[in-house]
Amino acid sequence: MEDDGYSATRHQREVGAGYFDQVATVISGGTASTLALKGSTEEEQF
């Protein structure tokens, strides 16, 4: 599927969710409650 341009399986990485989670964590001192990856099925992948 990815050969045909399907990339939804990598969407979190493509949009930079991990980066923005790290920024939110630093700014909030580790107390952010709106992280995209924390507790998600994608957390281990990124």
PDB file of N, CA and C in Angstrom:
ATOM      1  N   MET A   1       0.801  -1.187   0.000  1.00  0.00           N
ATOM      2  CA  MET A   1       0.000   0.000   0.000  1.00  0.00           C
ATOM      3  C   MET A   1       0.855   1.268   0.000  1.00  0.00           C
ATOM      4  N   GLU A   2       1.933   1.253   0.783  1.00  0.00           N
ATOM      5  CA  GLU A   2       2.778   2.443   0.821  1.00  0.00           C
ATOM      6  C   GLU A   2       3.441   2.716  -0.525  1.00  0.00           C
ATOM      7  N   ASP A   3       3.655   1.672  -1.306  1.00  0.00           N
ATOM      8  CA  ASP A   3       4.232   1.871  -2.638  1.00  0.00           C
ATOM      9  C   ASP A   3       3.320   2.723  -3.510  1.00  0.00           C
ATOM     10  N   ASP A   4       2.018   2.706  -3.198  1.00  0.00           N
ATOM     11  CA  ASP A   4       1.039   3.474  -3.963  1.00  0.00           C
ATOM     12  C   ASP A   4       0.745   4.830  -3.332  1.00  0.00           C
ATOM     13  N   GLY A   5       1.507   5.207  -2.311  1.00  0.00           N
ATOM     14  CA  GLY A   5       1.351   6.509  -1.692  1.00  0.00           C
ATOM     15  C   GLY A   5       0.554   6.531  -0.402  1.00  0.00           C
ATOM     16  N   TYR A   6       0.071   5.380   0.046  1.00  0.00           N
ATOM     17  CA  TYR A   6      -0.684   5.310   1.301  1.00  0.00           C
ATOM     18  C   TYR A   6       0.283   5.455   2.462  1.00  0.00           C
ATOM     19  N   SER A   7       0.061   6.438   3.306  1.00  0.00           N
ATOM     20  CA  SER A   7       1.011   6.664   4.394  1.00  0.00           C
ATOM     21  C   SER A   7       0.350   6.829   5.758  1.00  0.00           C
ATOM     22  N   ALA A   8      -0.910   6.494   5.872  1.00  0.00           N
ATOM     23  CA  ALA A   8      -1.613   6.686   7.145  1.00  0.00           C
ATOM     24  C   ALA A   8      -0.981   5.887   8.276  1.00  0.00           C
ATOM     25  N   THR A   9      -0.302   4.797   7.950  1.00  0.00           N
ATOM     26  CA  THR A   9       0.323   3.998   9.003  1.00  0.00           C
ATOM     27  C   THR A   9       1.494   4.735   9.636  1.00  0.00           C
ATOM     28  N   ARG A  10       1.970   5.776   8.995  1.00  0.00           N
ATOM     29  CA  ARG A  10       3.087   6.562   9.532  1.00  0.00           C
ATOM     30  C   ARG A  10       2.677   7.998   9.817  1.00  0.00           C
ATOM     31  N   HIS A  11       1.387   8.257   9.855  1.00  0.00           N
ATOM     32  CA  HIS A  11       0.889   9.630   9.959  1.00  0.00           C
ATOM     33  C   HIS A  11       1.430  10.381  11.175  1.00  0.00           C
ATOM     34  N   GLN A  12       1.435   9.766  12.354  1.00  0.00           N
ATOM     35  CA  GLN A  12       1.909  10.461  13.555  1.00  0.00           C
ATOM     36  C   GLN A  12       3.341  10.958  13.375  1.00  0.00           C
ATOM     37  N   ARG A  13       4.179  10.132  12.772  1.00  0.00           N
ATOM     38  CA  ARG A  13       5.571  10.540  12.561  1.00  0.00           C
ATOM     39  C   ARG A  13       5.648  11.650  11.514  1.00  0.00           C
ATOM     40  N   GLU A  14       4.862  11.534  10.450  1.00  0.00           N
ATOM     41  CA  GLU A  14       4.912  12.523   9.374  1.00  0.00           C
ATOM     42  C   GLU A  14       4.517  13.912   9.842  1.00  0.00           C
ATOM     43  N   VAL A  15       3.558  14.002  10.727  1.00  0.00           N
ATOM     44  CA  VAL A  15       3.109  15.314  11.191  1.00  0.00           C
ATOM     45  C   VAL A  15       3.912  15.822  12.381  1.00  0.00           C
ATOM     46  N   GLY A  16       4.857  15.025  12.851  1.00  0.00           N
ATOM     47  CA  GLY A  16       5.745  15.465  13.924  1.00  0.00           C
ATOM     48  C   GLY A  16       5.153  15.368  15.314  1.00  0.00           C
ATOM     49  N   ALA A  17       4.241  14.443  15.526  1.00  0.00           N
ATOM     50  CA  ALA A  17       3.590  14.315  16.832  1.00  0.00           C
ATOM     51  C   ALA A  17       4.600  14.111  17.957  1.00  0.00           C
ATOM     52  N   GLY A  18       5.613  13.312  17.714  1.00  0.00           N
ATOM     53  CA  GLY A  18       6.622  13.069  18.747  1.00  0.00           C
ATOM     54  C   GLY A  18       7.365  14.332  19.136  1.00  0.00           C
ATOM     55  N   TYR A  19       7.700  15.143  18.149  1.00  0.00           N
ATOM     56  CA  TYR A  19       8.402  16.404  18.406  1.00  0.00           C
ATOM     57  C   TYR A  19       7.539  17.333  19.254  1.00  0.00           C
ATOM     58  N   PHE A  20       6.292  17.495  18.848  1.00  0.00           N
ATOM     59  CA  PHE A  20       5.411  18.402  19.577  1.00  0.00           C
ATOM     60  C   PHE A  20       5.077  17.877  20.970  1.00  0.00           C
ATOM     61  N   ASP A  21       5.033  16.562  21.131  1.00  0.00           N
ATOM     62  CA  ASP A  21       4.865  15.986  22.465  1.00  0.00           C
ATOM     63  C   ASP A  21       6.053  16.347  23.350  1.00  0.00           C
ATOM     64  N   GLN A  22       7.251  16.285  22.797  1.00  0.00           N
ATOM     65  CA  GLN A  22       8.444  16.631  23.578  1.00  0.00           C
ATOM     66  C   GLN A  22       8.437  18.101  23.963  1.00  0.00           C
ATOM     67  N   VAL A  23       8.055  18.965  23.034  1.00  0.00           N
ATOM     68  CA  VAL A  23       7.983  20.400  23.331  1.00  0.00           C
ATOM     69  C   VAL A  23       6.973  20.650  24.448  1.00  0.00           C
ATOM     70  N   ALA A  24       5.792  20.045  24.341  1.00  0.00           N
ATOM     71  CA  ALA A  24       4.754  20.228  25.363  1.00  0.00           C
ATOM     72  C   ALA A  24       5.212  19.701  26.719  1.00  0.00           C
ATOM     73  N   THR A  25       5.935  18.594  26.706  1.00  0.00           N
ATOM     74  CA  THR A  25       6.428  18.014  27.955  1.00  0.00           C
ATOM     75  C   THR A  25       7.436  18.944  28.629  1.00  0.00           C
ATOM     76  N   VAL A  26       8.343  19.516  27.844  1.00  0.00           N
ATOM     77  CA  VAL A  26       9.344  20.431  28.400  1.00  0.00           C
ATOM     78  C   VAL A  26       8.671  21.687  28.944  1.00  0.00           C
ATOM     79  N   ILE A  27       7.772  22.258  28.169  1.00  0.00           N
ATOM     80  CA  ILE A  27       7.113  23.498  28.588  1.00  0.00           C
ATOM     81  C   ILE A  27       6.280  23.283  29.847  1.00  0.00           C
ATOM     82  N   SER A  28       5.612  22.143  29.928  1.00  0.00           N
ATOM     83  CA  SER A  28       4.714  21.890  31.064  1.00  0.00           C
ATOM     84  C   SER A  28       5.428  21.280  32.264  1.00  0.00           C
ATOM     85  N   GLY A  29       6.714  21.041  32.128  1.00  0.00           N
ATOM     86  CA  GLY A  29       7.453  20.414  33.218  1.00  0.00           C
ATOM     87  C   GLY A  29       7.066  18.964  33.433  1.00  0.00           C
ATOM     88  N   GLY A  30       6.611  18.328  32.361  1.00  0.00           N
ATOM     89  CA  GLY A  30       6.259  16.913  32.426  1.00  0.00           C
ATOM     90  C   GLY A  30       4.827  16.631  32.838  1.00  0.00           C
ATOM     91  N   THR A  31       4.009  17.669  32.920  1.00  0.00           N
ATOM     92  CA  THR A  31       2.632  17.460  33.374  1.00  0.00           C
ATOM     93  C   THR A  31       1.587  17.644  32.277  1.00  0.00           C
ATOM     94  N   ALA A  32       1.994  17.739  31.030  1.00  0.00           N
ATOM     95  CA  ALA A  32       1.043  17.934  29.933  1.00  0.00           C
ATOM     96  C   ALA A  32       0.056  16.775  29.868  1.00  0.00           C
ATOM     97  N   SER A  33      -1.209  17.105  29.686  1.00  0.00           N
ATOM     98  CA  SER A  33      -2.245  16.069  29.614  1.00  0.00           C
ATOM     99  C   SER A  33      -2.786  15.894  28.203  1.00  0.00           C
ATOM    100  N   THR A  34      -2.219  16.618  27.244  1.00  0.00           N
ATOM    101  CA  THR A  34      -2.739  16.580  25.877  1.00  0.00           C
ATOM    102  C   THR A  34      -1.749  15.988  24.882  1.00  0.00           C
ATOM    103  N   LEU A  35      -0.884  15.108  25.336  1.00  0.00           N
ATOM    104  CA  LEU A  35       0.116  14.523  24.452  1.00  0.00           C
ATOM    105  C   LEU A  35      -0.543  13.558  23.473  1.00  0.00           C
ATOM    106  N   ALA A  36      -0.064  13.563  22.232  1.00  0.00           N
ATOM    107  CA  ALA A  36      -0.662  12.727  21.191  1.00  0.00           C
ATOM    108  C   ALA A  36      -0.267  11.263  21.320  1.00  0.00           C
ATOM    109  N   LEU A  37       0.960  10.999  21.714  1.00  0.00           N
ATOM    110  CA  LEU A  37       1.447   9.625  21.691  1.00  0.00           C
ATOM    111  C   LEU A  37       1.344   8.903  23.026  1.00  0.00           C
ATOM    112  N   LYS A  38       1.343   9.616  24.122  1.00  0.00           N
ATOM    113  CA  LYS A  38       1.353   8.967  25.440  1.00  0.00           C
ATOM    114  C   LYS A  38       0.125   8.071  25.610  1.00  0.00           C
ATOM    115  N   GLY A  39       0.393   6.803  25.857  1.00  0.00           N
ATOM    116  CA  GLY A  39      -0.685   5.846  26.047  1.00  0.00           C
ATOM    117  C   GLY A  39      -1.321   5.344  24.765  1.00  0.00           C
ATOM    118  N   SER A  40      -0.781   5.757  23.619  1.00  0.00           N
ATOM    119  CA  SER A  40      -1.350   5.319  22.343  1.00  0.00           C
ATOM    120  C   SER A  40      -0.651   4.063  21.842  1.00  0.00           C
ATOM    121  N   THR A  41      -1.246   3.445  20.850  1.00  0.00           N
ATOM    122  CA  THR A  41      -0.633   2.252  20.270  1.00  0.00           C
ATOM    123  C   THR A  41       0.618   2.599  19.488  1.00  0.00           C
ATOM    124  N   GLU A  42       0.778   3.863  19.103  1.00  0.00           N
ATOM    125  CA  GLU A  42       1.943   4.287  18.334  1.00  0.00           C
ATOM    126  C   GLU A  42       3.136   4.639  19.209  1.00  0.00           C
ATOM    127  N   GLU A  43       2.945   4.744  20.505  1.00  0.00           N
ATOM    128  CA  GLU A  43       3.998   5.242  21.397  1.00  0.00           C
ATOM    129  C   GLU A  43       5.307   4.479  21.244  1.00  0.00           C
ATOM    130  N   GLU A  44       5.271   3.164  21.177  1.00  0.00           N
ATOM    131  CA  GLU A  44       6.491   2.364  21.058  1.00  0.00           C
ATOM    132  C   GLU A  44       7.166   2.543  19.706  1.00  0.00           C
ATOM    133  N   GLN A  45       6.395   2.848  18.677  1.00  0.00           N
ATOM    134  CA  GLN A  45       6.929   2.930  17.322  1.00  0.00           C
ATOM    135  C   GLN A  45       7.778   4.167  17.101  1.00  0.00           C
ATOM    136  N   PHE A  46       7.556   5.222  17.890  1.00  0.00           N
ATOM    137  CA  PHE A  46       8.259   6.468  17.663  1.00  0.00           C
ATOM    138  C   PHE A  46       9.134   6.770  18.835  1.00  0.00           C
TER     139      PHE A  46
END
